[in-house]
Amino acid sequence: MIGLDEIGTVQAAPDPAALRAVLDSVFAGRAYRWADTPAALRVMREWWDRLVDWLDALRLGNPAAFRLFVFALLIALVLVLAHGAWVVWRTVRGAAAPEEGGPDGAPRARRDAAWYLQEADRAAAAGRTAEALQLAFVGLALTLDGQGLLRYHASQTPAEVARAARLAAQDRERLRALVQALYGYVFGGRPCAPADYRRWREGSAGPWHAAAH
């Protein structure tokens, strides 16, 4: 028989369901996730967790600064989107603008490849290299059109021009490289120095060859 002084030391066995629930909650923690994660993904996840922790600490410790930070991010996003829309609008407008009339009301001469290339060099000399690249590409497209290697429309994007041009394999790769550089400078935010513009113009100035039939 168990004495009265031993009753206080007897403990009931734990409930198996409750014990399993406690163990599941413990082993569900991040420290017990043993999946083999790639190093790059693991570093990105660690940086993301640190950023989230920092934002939580900022939100709890200084709500006013947190709201100011979020507002600054929204302003930056709006500016980036507005700049991208402006660049696209300038590109489309510059390529598809109707011919303007002269002082006497008579229509000006048709803007051909030589006109666009001349205007491109003039814009580059004035420091507007991104605009110069766009004008130079229109001049290149009109050059290919004049040689029967492309049927150019003002609504076409540079990538569409590269796909539609009927060029030999080597020249097709050359045109694709020019388009990639154009997108990087004009839409990707890469700085375009005058030397970069001259290299682009030199790359587009050589002869172009038709694809073999």
N, C-alpha and C. Protein backbone atom coordinates (compact mmCIF):
# COMPACT_ATOMS: atom_id res chain seq x y z
N MET A 1 0.84 -1.20 0.00
CA MET A 1 0.00 0.00 0.00
C MET A 1 0.88 1.25 0.00
N ILE A 2 0.39 2.30 -0.58
CA ILE A 2 1.13 3.58 -0.67
C ILE A 2 0.71 4.45 0.50
N GLY A 3 1.68 4.90 1.21
CA GLY A 3 1.39 5.76 2.34
C GLY A 3 0.91 7.13 1.90
N LEU A 4 0.34 7.84 2.89
CA LEU A 4 -0.17 9.17 2.57
C LEU A 4 0.94 10.13 2.20
N ASP A 5 2.16 9.91 2.76
CA ASP A 5 3.25 10.83 2.44
C ASP A 5 3.81 10.59 1.04
N GLU A 6 3.45 9.47 0.40
CA GLU A 6 3.93 9.19 -0.94
C GLU A 6 2.94 9.60 -2.04
N ILE A 7 1.75 9.95 -1.62
CA ILE A 7 0.73 10.30 -2.62
C ILE A 7 1.13 11.53 -3.40
N GLY A 8 1.78 12.50 -2.74
CA GLY A 8 2.17 13.75 -3.41
C GLY A 8 3.25 13.55 -4.45
N THR A 9 3.99 12.40 -4.34
CA THR A 9 5.06 12.17 -5.31
C THR A 9 4.59 11.41 -6.53
N VAL A 10 3.40 10.87 -6.52
CA VAL A 10 2.88 10.11 -7.66
C VAL A 10 2.30 11.09 -8.68
N GLN A 11 2.75 11.00 -9.90
CA GLN A 11 2.28 11.87 -10.98
C GLN A 11 1.62 11.04 -12.06
N ALA A 12 0.58 11.58 -12.62
CA ALA A 12 -0.13 10.88 -13.69
C ALA A 12 0.72 10.88 -14.96
N ALA A 13 0.61 9.81 -15.75
CA ALA A 13 1.34 9.70 -17.01
C ALA A 13 0.83 10.76 -18.00
N PRO A 14 1.73 11.39 -18.80
CA PRO A 14 1.28 12.43 -19.74
C PRO A 14 0.37 11.86 -20.81
N ASP A 15 -0.54 12.69 -21.26
CA ASP A 15 -1.45 12.30 -22.32
C ASP A 15 -0.68 12.19 -23.63
N PRO A 16 -0.72 11.05 -24.35
CA PRO A 16 0.06 10.90 -25.59
C PRO A 16 -0.27 11.95 -26.64
N ALA A 17 -1.53 12.31 -26.78
CA ALA A 17 -1.91 13.31 -27.78
C ALA A 17 -1.33 14.68 -27.44
N ALA A 18 -1.38 15.05 -26.17
CA ALA A 18 -0.82 16.34 -25.77
C ALA A 18 0.69 16.36 -25.95
N LEU A 19 1.35 15.22 -25.60
CA LEU A 19 2.78 15.14 -25.77
C LEU A 19 3.18 15.26 -27.25
N ARG A 20 2.43 14.60 -28.15
CA ARG A 20 2.71 14.69 -29.57
C ARG A 20 2.53 16.12 -30.08
N ALA A 21 1.50 16.80 -29.59
CA ALA A 21 1.27 18.18 -30.03
C ALA A 21 2.42 19.09 -29.61
N VAL A 22 2.93 18.87 -28.38
CA VAL A 22 4.06 19.68 -27.92
C VAL A 22 5.30 19.41 -28.76
N LEU A 23 5.58 18.13 -29.03
CA LEU A 23 6.75 17.78 -29.83
C LEU A 23 6.64 18.32 -31.25
N ASP A 24 5.45 18.23 -31.84
CA ASP A 24 5.26 18.76 -33.20
C ASP A 24 5.52 20.26 -33.25
N SER A 25 5.05 20.98 -32.25
CA SER A 25 5.26 22.43 -32.23
C SER A 25 6.73 22.78 -32.07
N VAL A 26 7.46 21.97 -31.30
CA VAL A 26 8.88 22.23 -31.10
C VAL A 26 9.67 21.95 -32.38
N PHE A 27 9.44 20.78 -32.98
CA PHE A 27 10.23 20.40 -34.16
C PHE A 27 9.78 21.12 -35.42
N ALA A 28 8.69 21.87 -35.35
CA ALA A 28 8.29 22.68 -36.50
C ALA A 28 9.08 23.98 -36.59
N GLY A 29 9.88 24.28 -35.58
CA GLY A 29 10.68 25.50 -35.57
C GLY A 29 11.73 25.48 -36.66
N ARG A 30 12.25 26.70 -36.99
CA ARG A 30 13.23 26.85 -38.07
C ARG A 30 14.52 26.09 -37.79
N ALA A 31 14.89 25.98 -36.49
CA ALA A 31 16.16 25.31 -36.15
C ALA A 31 16.14 23.83 -36.47
N TYR A 32 14.95 23.24 -36.59
CA TYR A 32 14.85 21.80 -36.84
C TYR A 32 14.49 21.48 -38.29
N ARG A 33 14.60 22.47 -39.18
CA ARG A 33 14.35 22.21 -40.59
C ARG A 33 15.66 21.78 -41.24
N TRP A 34 15.75 20.52 -41.54
CA TRP A 34 17.01 19.94 -42.01
C TRP A 34 17.04 19.73 -43.52
N ALA A 35 16.18 20.40 -44.24
CA ALA A 35 16.17 20.25 -45.70
C ALA A 35 17.47 20.81 -46.28
N ASP A 36 17.96 20.17 -47.34
CA ASP A 36 19.18 20.59 -47.99
C ASP A 36 18.87 21.79 -48.90
N THR A 37 19.20 23.00 -48.44
CA THR A 37 18.89 24.23 -49.17
C THR A 37 20.14 24.72 -49.89
N PRO A 38 20.03 25.13 -51.17
CA PRO A 38 21.19 25.68 -51.88
C PRO A 38 21.77 26.88 -51.14
N ALA A 39 23.09 27.06 -51.27
CA ALA A 39 23.77 28.13 -50.53
C ALA A 39 23.23 29.51 -50.90
N ALA A 40 23.02 29.76 -52.20
CA ALA A 40 22.53 31.07 -52.62
C ALA A 40 21.15 31.35 -52.04
N LEU A 41 20.27 30.33 -52.09
CA LEU A 41 18.93 30.52 -51.55
C LEU A 41 18.98 30.71 -50.04
N ARG A 42 19.89 30.01 -49.37
CA ARG A 42 20.00 30.14 -47.92
C ARG A 42 20.46 31.54 -47.54
N VAL A 43 21.42 32.08 -48.29
CA VAL A 43 21.90 33.44 -48.00
C VAL A 43 20.79 34.45 -48.23
N MET A 44 20.06 34.29 -49.35
CA MET A 44 18.95 35.20 -49.61
C MET A 44 17.88 35.12 -48.52
N ARG A 45 17.61 33.91 -48.05
CA ARG A 45 16.61 33.75 -47.00
C ARG A 45 17.07 34.40 -45.71
N GLU A 46 18.38 34.26 -45.39
CA GLU A 46 18.89 34.88 -44.18
C GLU A 46 18.80 36.39 -44.25
N TRP A 47 19.19 36.94 -45.42
CA TRP A 47 19.07 38.39 -45.58
C TRP A 47 17.63 38.84 -45.51
N TRP A 48 16.72 38.06 -46.09
CA TRP A 48 15.30 38.42 -46.04
C TRP A 48 14.79 38.39 -44.59
N ASP A 49 15.19 37.37 -43.84
CA ASP A 49 14.77 37.28 -42.44
C ASP A 49 15.30 38.46 -41.63
N ARG A 50 16.56 38.85 -41.91
CA ARG A 50 17.12 39.99 -41.21
C ARG A 50 16.36 41.28 -41.55
N LEU A 51 16.01 41.42 -42.84
CA LEU A 51 15.26 42.60 -43.25
C LEU A 51 13.89 42.64 -42.57
N VAL A 52 13.22 41.49 -42.54
CA VAL A 52 11.91 41.44 -41.88
C VAL A 52 12.03 41.76 -40.40
N ASP A 53 13.05 41.20 -39.74
CA ASP A 53 13.25 41.49 -38.32
C ASP A 53 13.54 42.97 -38.10
N TRP A 54 14.35 43.54 -39.00
CA TRP A 54 14.66 44.97 -38.86
C TRP A 54 13.43 45.83 -39.06
N LEU A 55 12.60 45.48 -40.04
CA LEU A 55 11.37 46.24 -40.26
C LEU A 55 10.41 46.10 -39.08
N ASP A 56 10.32 44.89 -38.54
CA ASP A 56 9.46 44.71 -37.36
C ASP A 56 9.96 45.53 -36.18
N ALA A 57 11.29 45.52 -35.98
CA ALA A 57 11.85 46.31 -34.88
C ALA A 57 11.61 47.80 -35.09
N LEU A 58 11.76 48.25 -36.35
CA LEU A 58 11.52 49.66 -36.65
C LEU A 58 10.06 50.02 -36.46
N ARG A 59 9.17 49.11 -36.90
CA ARG A 59 7.73 49.39 -36.77
C ARG A 59 7.31 49.47 -35.30
N LEU A 60 7.87 48.60 -34.47
CA LEU A 60 7.50 48.60 -33.05
C LEU A 60 8.23 49.66 -32.25
N GLY A 61 9.51 49.89 -32.61
CA GLY A 61 10.30 50.84 -31.83
C GLY A 61 10.10 52.29 -32.23
N ASN A 62 9.84 52.53 -33.52
CA ASN A 62 9.71 53.91 -34.00
C ASN A 62 8.67 53.93 -35.12
N PRO A 63 7.40 53.92 -34.80
CA PRO A 63 6.35 53.87 -35.84
C PRO A 63 6.42 55.03 -36.82
N ALA A 64 6.81 56.22 -36.34
CA ALA A 64 6.87 57.37 -37.24
C ALA A 64 7.95 57.16 -38.30
N ALA A 65 9.11 56.68 -37.90
CA ALA A 65 10.18 56.42 -38.87
C ALA A 65 9.79 55.31 -39.83
N PHE A 66 9.06 54.30 -39.34
CA PHE A 66 8.62 53.21 -40.20
C PHE A 66 7.66 53.73 -41.27
N ARG A 67 6.72 54.58 -40.89
CA ARG A 67 5.80 55.14 -41.87
C ARG A 67 6.53 56.02 -42.88
N LEU A 68 7.53 56.77 -42.41
CA LEU A 68 8.31 57.60 -43.32
C LEU A 68 9.10 56.74 -44.30
N PHE A 69 9.63 55.62 -43.83
CA PHE A 69 10.38 54.71 -44.69
C PHE A 69 9.47 54.11 -45.76
N VAL A 70 8.28 53.67 -45.39
CA VAL A 70 7.35 53.09 -46.35
C VAL A 70 6.92 54.15 -47.37
N PHE A 71 6.70 55.36 -46.90
CA PHE A 71 6.32 56.44 -47.82
C PHE A 71 7.43 56.73 -48.82
N ALA A 72 8.69 56.72 -48.36
CA ALA A 72 9.82 56.95 -49.27
C ALA A 72 9.92 55.84 -50.31
N LEU A 73 9.66 54.59 -49.91
CA LEU A 73 9.68 53.48 -50.87
C LEU A 73 8.59 53.66 -51.92
N LEU A 74 7.41 54.08 -51.51
CA LEU A 74 6.33 54.29 -52.47
C LEU A 74 6.67 55.41 -53.46
N ILE A 75 7.28 56.48 -52.95
CA ILE A 75 7.68 57.59 -53.83
C ILE A 75 8.72 57.11 -54.84
N ALA A 76 9.69 56.32 -54.37
CA ALA A 76 10.72 55.80 -55.28
C ALA A 76 10.11 54.91 -56.35
N LEU A 77 9.15 54.06 -55.95
CA LEU A 77 8.50 53.19 -56.93
C LEU A 77 7.73 54.00 -57.96
N VAL A 78 7.02 55.03 -57.53
CA VAL A 78 6.28 55.87 -58.46
C VAL A 78 7.22 56.57 -59.44
N LEU A 79 8.37 57.05 -58.93
CA LEU A 79 9.33 57.73 -59.80
C LEU A 79 9.92 56.78 -60.83
N VAL A 80 10.23 55.55 -60.41
CA VAL A 80 10.78 54.57 -61.35
C VAL A 80 9.76 54.25 -62.45
N LEU A 81 8.51 54.01 -62.06
CA LEU A 81 7.48 53.70 -63.04
C LEU A 81 7.23 54.89 -63.98
N ALA A 82 7.23 56.10 -63.41
CA ALA A 82 7.01 57.29 -64.24
C ALA A 82 8.15 57.49 -65.22
N HIS A 83 9.39 57.24 -64.77
CA HIS A 83 10.52 57.39 -65.68
C HIS A 83 10.46 56.35 -66.81
N GLY A 84 10.13 55.11 -66.47
CA GLY A 84 10.00 54.09 -67.51
C GLY A 84 8.92 54.43 -68.52
N ALA A 85 7.77 54.91 -68.01
CA ALA A 85 6.69 55.29 -68.93
C ALA A 85 7.10 56.47 -69.82
N TRP A 86 7.84 57.42 -69.24
CA TRP A 86 8.29 58.56 -70.03
C TRP A 86 9.26 58.14 -71.13
N VAL A 87 10.18 57.24 -70.80
CA VAL A 87 11.15 56.77 -71.80
C VAL A 87 10.45 56.04 -72.93
N VAL A 88 9.48 55.16 -72.57
CA VAL A 88 8.74 54.44 -73.60
C VAL A 88 7.95 55.40 -74.48
N TRP A 89 7.33 56.40 -73.84
CA TRP A 89 6.54 57.38 -74.61
C TRP A 89 7.43 58.17 -75.55
N ARG A 90 8.62 58.57 -75.08
CA ARG A 90 9.54 59.30 -75.94
C ARG A 90 10.01 58.44 -77.11
N THR A 91 10.24 57.15 -76.82
CA THR A 91 10.70 56.26 -77.89
C THR A 91 9.63 56.12 -78.97
N VAL A 92 8.39 55.83 -78.54
CA VAL A 92 7.31 55.64 -79.50
C VAL A 92 7.01 56.94 -80.23
N ARG A 93 6.99 58.04 -79.50
CA ARG A 93 6.68 59.34 -80.12
C ARG A 93 7.76 59.74 -81.11
N GLY A 94 9.04 59.50 -80.76
CA GLY A 94 10.11 59.89 -81.66
C GLY A 94 10.12 59.06 -82.93
N ALA A 95 9.73 57.77 -82.79
CA ALA A 95 9.76 56.91 -83.97
C ALA A 95 8.53 57.07 -84.85
N ALA A 96 7.39 57.40 -84.24
CA ALA A 96 6.14 57.43 -84.99
C ALA A 96 5.60 58.84 -85.21
N ALA A 97 6.39 59.87 -84.94
CA ALA A 97 5.89 61.24 -85.10
C ALA A 97 5.62 61.54 -86.56
N PRO A 98 4.50 62.18 -86.85
CA PRO A 98 4.21 62.53 -88.25
C PRO A 98 5.16 63.62 -88.74
N GLU A 99 5.33 63.68 -90.02
CA GLU A 99 6.19 64.68 -90.62
C GLU A 99 5.59 66.07 -90.41
N GLU A 100 6.44 66.97 -89.92
CA GLU A 100 5.98 68.33 -89.66
C GLU A 100 6.09 69.16 -90.93
N GLY A 101 5.23 70.16 -91.00
CA GLY A 101 5.26 71.05 -92.13
C GLY A 101 6.29 72.14 -91.99
N GLY A 102 6.75 72.67 -93.09
CA GLY A 102 7.73 73.74 -93.07
C GLY A 102 7.06 75.06 -92.75
N PRO A 103 7.83 76.17 -92.74
CA PRO A 103 7.26 77.48 -92.41
C PRO A 103 6.18 77.91 -93.38
N ASP A 104 6.27 77.48 -94.63
CA ASP A 104 5.26 77.88 -95.62
C ASP A 104 4.09 76.92 -95.68
N GLY A 105 4.03 75.95 -94.75
CA GLY A 105 2.93 75.01 -94.73
C GLY A 105 3.17 73.79 -95.58
N ALA A 106 4.21 73.80 -96.41
CA ALA A 106 4.50 72.63 -97.25
C ALA A 106 5.13 71.53 -96.42
N PRO A 107 4.84 70.28 -96.74
CA PRO A 107 5.41 69.19 -95.95
C PRO A 107 6.92 69.12 -96.11
N ARG A 108 7.60 68.81 -95.04
CA ARG A 108 9.04 68.64 -95.10
C ARG A 108 9.39 67.37 -95.87
N ALA A 109 10.66 67.28 -96.24
CA ALA A 109 11.13 66.08 -96.89
C ALA A 109 11.03 64.90 -95.92
N ARG A 110 10.83 63.73 -96.46
CA ARG A 110 10.68 62.52 -95.64
C ARG A 110 11.93 62.29 -94.81
N ARG A 111 11.74 61.99 -93.53
CA ARG A 111 12.86 61.73 -92.64
C ARG A 111 13.40 60.33 -92.94
N ASP A 112 14.55 60.28 -93.53
CA ASP A 112 15.13 59.00 -93.90
C ASP A 112 16.19 58.60 -92.89
N ALA A 113 16.92 57.52 -93.22
CA ALA A 113 17.92 57.00 -92.29
C ALA A 113 19.01 58.04 -92.01
N ALA A 114 19.44 58.74 -93.05
CA ALA A 114 20.50 59.73 -92.87
C ALA A 114 20.07 60.83 -91.91
N TRP A 115 18.81 61.24 -91.98
CA TRP A 115 18.32 62.29 -91.07
C TRP A 115 18.36 61.82 -89.63
N TYR A 116 17.89 60.59 -89.37
CA TYR A 116 17.88 60.07 -88.00
C TYR A 116 19.30 59.89 -87.47
N LEU A 117 20.20 59.43 -88.30
CA LEU A 117 21.58 59.25 -87.84
C LEU A 117 22.24 60.59 -87.55
N GLN A 118 21.93 61.60 -88.37
CA GLN A 118 22.48 62.93 -88.13
C GLN A 118 21.94 63.51 -86.83
N GLU A 119 20.62 63.34 -86.62
CA GLU A 119 20.03 63.83 -85.38
C GLU A 119 20.57 63.07 -84.16
N ALA A 120 20.85 61.78 -84.35
CA ALA A 120 21.42 60.99 -83.26
C ALA A 120 22.79 61.53 -82.86
N ASP A 121 23.62 61.80 -83.83
CA ASP A 121 24.95 62.33 -83.53
C ASP A 121 24.85 63.72 -82.88
N ARG A 122 23.87 64.48 -83.32
CA ARG A 122 23.69 65.81 -82.72
C ARG A 122 23.24 65.69 -81.26
N ALA A 123 22.33 64.77 -80.99
CA ALA A 123 21.90 64.58 -79.60
C ALA A 123 23.04 64.05 -78.74
N ALA A 124 23.86 63.15 -79.27
CA ALA A 124 24.99 62.63 -78.51
C ALA A 124 25.99 63.74 -78.21
N ALA A 125 26.21 64.63 -79.16
CA ALA A 125 27.14 65.73 -78.93
C ALA A 125 26.63 66.67 -77.84
N ALA A 126 25.31 66.73 -77.70
CA ALA A 126 24.72 67.57 -76.65
C ALA A 126 24.61 66.84 -75.31
N GLY A 127 25.09 65.59 -75.25
CA GLY A 127 25.06 64.85 -73.99
C GLY A 127 23.83 64.01 -73.77
N ARG A 128 22.90 63.97 -74.75
CA ARG A 128 21.67 63.19 -74.61
C ARG A 128 21.88 61.84 -75.29
N THR A 129 22.74 61.01 -74.69
CA THR A 129 23.14 59.77 -75.34
C THR A 129 22.00 58.76 -75.41
N ALA A 130 21.14 58.70 -74.39
CA ALA A 130 20.02 57.75 -74.45
C ALA A 130 19.09 58.09 -75.61
N GLU A 131 18.77 59.37 -75.76
CA GLU A 131 17.94 59.79 -76.90
C GLU A 131 18.66 59.54 -78.22
N ALA A 132 19.98 59.75 -78.22
CA ALA A 132 20.76 59.53 -79.43
C ALA A 132 20.71 58.07 -79.86
N LEU A 133 20.78 57.15 -78.93
CA LEU A 133 20.71 55.73 -79.27
C LEU A 133 19.37 55.38 -79.90
N GLN A 134 18.30 55.94 -79.36
CA GLN A 134 16.98 55.66 -79.93
C GLN A 134 16.87 56.19 -81.36
N LEU A 135 17.36 57.40 -81.59
CA LEU A 135 17.34 57.94 -82.95
C LEU A 135 18.22 57.12 -83.88
N ALA A 136 19.40 56.71 -83.38
CA ALA A 136 20.30 55.93 -84.22
C ALA A 136 19.70 54.58 -84.56
N PHE A 137 18.92 54.00 -83.66
CA PHE A 137 18.31 52.71 -83.98
C PHE A 137 17.25 52.87 -85.06
N VAL A 138 16.48 53.94 -85.00
CA VAL A 138 15.51 54.17 -86.07
C VAL A 138 16.24 54.34 -87.39
N GLY A 139 17.37 55.06 -87.36
CA GLY A 139 18.16 55.19 -88.58
C GLY A 139 18.66 53.86 -89.09
N LEU A 140 19.08 52.98 -88.18
CA LEU A 140 19.52 51.65 -88.57
C LEU A 140 18.38 50.84 -89.17
N ALA A 141 17.20 50.90 -88.54
CA ALA A 141 16.05 50.16 -89.06
C ALA A 141 15.67 50.65 -90.45
N LEU A 142 15.71 51.96 -90.67
CA LEU A 142 15.40 52.49 -92.00
C LEU A 142 16.48 52.10 -93.01
N THR A 143 17.72 51.99 -92.54
CA THR A 143 18.78 51.53 -93.43
C THR A 143 18.52 50.10 -93.90
N LEU A 144 18.16 49.23 -92.96
CA LEU A 144 17.84 47.85 -93.31
C LEU A 144 16.61 47.79 -94.21
N ASP A 145 15.65 48.66 -93.96
CA ASP A 145 14.46 48.69 -94.81
C ASP A 145 14.84 49.12 -96.22
N GLY A 146 15.70 50.10 -96.33
CA GLY A 146 16.11 50.55 -97.65
C GLY A 146 16.91 49.51 -98.42
N GLN A 147 17.57 48.62 -97.72
CA GLN A 147 18.34 47.55 -98.37
C GLN A 147 17.50 46.31 -98.64
N GLY A 148 16.20 46.36 -98.32
CA GLY A 148 15.33 45.22 -98.55
C GLY A 148 15.51 44.10 -97.53
N LEU A 149 16.14 44.39 -96.40
CA LEU A 149 16.39 43.38 -95.38
C LEU A 149 15.35 43.41 -94.26
N LEU A 150 14.45 44.37 -94.33
CA LEU A 150 13.46 44.55 -93.26
C LEU A 150 12.31 45.37 -93.80
N ARG A 151 11.11 45.05 -93.38
CA ARG A 151 9.95 45.90 -93.64
C ARG A 151 9.63 46.60 -92.33
N TYR A 152 10.10 47.82 -92.20
CA TYR A 152 10.05 48.52 -90.92
C TYR A 152 8.75 49.30 -90.76
N HIS A 153 8.17 49.21 -89.55
CA HIS A 153 7.01 50.01 -89.16
C HIS A 153 7.37 50.77 -87.90
N ALA A 154 6.89 52.00 -87.79
CA ALA A 154 7.24 52.82 -86.64
C ALA A 154 6.76 52.24 -85.32
N SER A 155 5.74 51.38 -85.36
CA SER A 155 5.21 50.80 -84.13
C SER A 155 6.03 49.62 -83.63
N GLN A 156 7.00 49.16 -84.41
CA GLN A 156 7.79 48.01 -84.00
C GLN A 156 8.78 48.38 -82.90
N THR A 157 8.95 47.48 -81.95
CA THR A 157 9.97 47.66 -80.92
C THR A 157 11.31 47.19 -81.47
N PRO A 158 12.42 47.60 -80.85
CA PRO A 158 13.73 47.11 -81.32
C PRO A 158 13.82 45.58 -81.32
N ALA A 159 13.23 44.91 -80.33
CA ALA A 159 13.28 43.45 -80.32
C ALA A 159 12.51 42.87 -81.50
N GLU A 160 11.39 43.48 -81.86
CA GLU A 160 10.63 43.00 -83.00
C GLU A 160 11.40 43.24 -84.31
N VAL A 161 12.12 44.34 -84.37
CA VAL A 161 12.95 44.60 -85.55
C VAL A 161 14.02 43.52 -85.69
N ALA A 162 14.66 43.18 -84.56
CA ALA A 162 15.71 42.15 -84.60
C ALA A 162 15.17 40.81 -85.05
N ARG A 163 13.92 40.48 -84.67
CA ARG A 163 13.33 39.21 -85.08
C ARG A 163 12.89 39.24 -86.54
N ALA A 164 12.45 40.40 -87.02
CA ALA A 164 11.89 40.47 -88.36
C ALA A 164 12.95 40.66 -89.45
N ALA A 165 14.12 41.15 -89.08
CA ALA A 165 15.15 41.41 -90.10
C ALA A 165 15.61 40.11 -90.74
N ARG A 166 15.71 40.13 -92.05
CA ARG A 166 16.14 38.95 -92.82
C ARG A 166 17.64 39.03 -93.06
N LEU A 167 18.39 38.67 -92.04
CA LEU A 167 19.84 38.83 -92.06
C LEU A 167 20.53 37.48 -92.01
N ALA A 168 21.79 37.48 -92.46
CA ALA A 168 22.63 36.31 -92.29
C ALA A 168 22.86 36.07 -90.79
N ALA A 169 23.25 34.85 -90.47
CA ALA A 169 23.34 34.45 -89.06
C ALA A 169 24.25 35.38 -88.27
N GLN A 170 25.41 35.70 -88.81
CA GLN A 170 26.36 36.54 -88.09
C GLN A 170 25.80 37.95 -87.89
N ASP A 171 25.17 38.50 -88.91
CA ASP A 171 24.60 39.84 -88.79
C ASP A 171 23.37 39.83 -87.88
N ARG A 172 22.64 38.72 -87.87
CA ARG A 172 21.48 38.63 -86.97
C ARG A 172 21.95 38.69 -85.52
N GLU A 173 23.02 37.98 -85.18
CA GLU A 173 23.56 38.04 -83.82
C GLU A 173 24.10 39.43 -83.51
N ARG A 174 24.68 40.04 -84.50
CA ARG A 174 25.19 41.41 -84.32
C ARG A 174 24.06 42.38 -84.02
N LEU A 175 22.94 42.26 -84.73
CA LEU A 175 21.80 43.14 -84.48
C LEU A 175 21.20 42.86 -83.11
N ARG A 176 21.12 41.60 -82.70
CA ARG A 176 20.61 41.28 -81.38
C ARG A 176 21.48 41.88 -80.28
N ALA A 177 22.79 41.85 -80.47
CA ALA A 177 23.69 42.45 -79.48
C ALA A 177 23.48 43.96 -79.39
N LEU A 178 23.24 44.61 -80.54
CA LEU A 178 22.96 46.04 -80.52
C LEU A 178 21.65 46.35 -79.80
N VAL A 179 20.65 45.51 -80.03
CA VAL A 179 19.36 45.71 -79.35
C VAL A 179 19.50 45.50 -77.85
N GLN A 180 20.23 44.48 -77.44
CA GLN A 180 20.45 44.26 -76.01
C GLN A 180 21.16 45.44 -75.37
N ALA A 181 22.16 45.97 -76.05
CA ALA A 181 22.85 47.14 -75.51
C ALA A 181 21.91 48.33 -75.44
N LEU A 182 21.08 48.51 -76.47
CA LEU A 182 20.13 49.62 -76.48
C LEU A 182 19.18 49.52 -75.30
N TYR A 183 18.62 48.33 -75.06
CA TYR A 183 17.71 48.16 -73.93
C TYR A 183 18.42 48.41 -72.60
N GLY A 184 19.68 47.96 -72.51
CA GLY A 184 20.40 48.17 -71.26
C GLY A 184 20.63 49.64 -70.96
N TYR A 185 20.96 50.42 -71.99
CA TYR A 185 21.22 51.84 -71.78
C TYR A 185 19.93 52.65 -71.60
N VAL A 186 18.93 52.37 -72.42
CA VAL A 186 17.73 53.21 -72.44
C VAL A 186 16.73 52.79 -71.38
N PHE A 187 16.50 51.48 -71.21
CA PHE A 187 15.49 51.01 -70.28
C PHE A 187 16.08 50.40 -69.01
N GLY A 188 17.29 49.90 -69.09
CA GLY A 188 17.87 49.24 -67.92
C GLY A 188 18.61 50.15 -66.98
N GLY A 189 18.77 51.42 -67.33
CA GLY A 189 19.42 52.36 -66.42
C GLY A 189 20.94 52.35 -66.47
N ARG A 190 21.54 51.60 -67.40
CA ARG A 190 23.00 51.60 -67.50
C ARG A 190 23.48 52.97 -68.02
N PRO A 191 24.51 53.54 -67.40
CA PRO A 191 25.02 54.83 -67.90
C PRO A 191 25.63 54.66 -69.29
N CYS A 192 25.33 55.61 -70.14
CA CYS A 192 25.82 55.57 -71.52
C CYS A 192 26.72 56.77 -71.74
N ALA A 193 28.02 56.53 -71.73
CA ALA A 193 28.99 57.60 -71.96
C ALA A 193 29.11 57.84 -73.47
N PRO A 194 29.68 58.98 -73.86
CA PRO A 194 29.88 59.23 -75.29
C PRO A 194 30.67 58.12 -75.98
N ALA A 195 31.65 57.53 -75.28
CA ALA A 195 32.41 56.43 -75.88
C ALA A 195 31.52 55.21 -76.12
N ASP A 196 30.56 54.96 -75.21
CA ASP A 196 29.61 53.85 -75.41
C ASP A 196 28.75 54.09 -76.63
N TYR A 197 28.31 55.33 -76.79
CA TYR A 197 27.50 55.66 -77.97
C TYR A 197 28.32 55.46 -79.23
N ARG A 198 29.57 55.91 -79.25
CA ARG A 198 30.40 55.76 -80.46
C ARG A 198 30.61 54.29 -80.81
N ARG A 199 30.82 53.45 -79.78
CA ARG A 199 30.99 52.01 -80.05
C ARG A 199 29.71 51.43 -80.64
N TRP A 200 28.56 51.86 -80.12
CA TRP A 200 27.28 51.36 -80.64
C TRP A 200 27.11 51.77 -82.10
N ARG A 201 27.44 53.03 -82.40
CA ARG A 201 27.29 53.51 -83.77
C ARG A 201 28.25 52.78 -84.70
N GLU A 202 29.47 52.53 -84.23
CA GLU A 202 30.43 51.81 -85.06
C GLU A 202 29.97 50.38 -85.32
N GLY A 203 29.34 49.76 -84.30
CA GLY A 203 28.84 48.41 -84.48
C GLY A 203 27.68 48.32 -85.45
N SER A 204 26.94 49.42 -85.61
CA SER A 204 25.79 49.40 -86.52
C SER A 204 26.11 49.96 -87.90
N ALA A 205 27.32 50.48 -88.09
CA ALA A 205 27.61 51.20 -89.33
C ALA A 205 28.13 50.30 -90.43
N GLY A 206 28.60 49.10 -90.09
CA GLY A 206 29.16 48.23 -91.12
C GLY A 206 28.11 47.70 -92.07
N PRO A 207 28.53 47.01 -93.11
CA PRO A 207 27.56 46.44 -94.07
C PRO A 207 26.73 45.33 -93.44
N TRP A 208 25.53 45.17 -93.97
CA TRP A 208 24.61 44.13 -93.51
C TRP A 208 24.34 43.18 -94.67
N HIS A 209 24.23 41.91 -94.36
CA HIS A 209 24.09 40.90 -95.39
C HIS A 209 22.78 40.12 -95.19
N ALA A 210 22.16 39.81 -96.33
CA ALA A 210 20.89 39.09 -96.30
C ALA A 210 21.11 37.64 -95.98
N ALA A 211 20.07 37.02 -95.46
CA ALA A 211 20.13 35.58 -95.16
C ALA A 211 20.15 34.80 -96.47
N ALA A 212 20.87 33.70 -96.45
CA ALA A 212 20.94 32.86 -97.64
C ALA A 212 19.61 32.15 -97.84
N HIS A 213 19.17 32.05 -99.08
CA HIS A 213 17.90 31.39 -99.39
C HIS A 213 18.12 29.91 -99.69
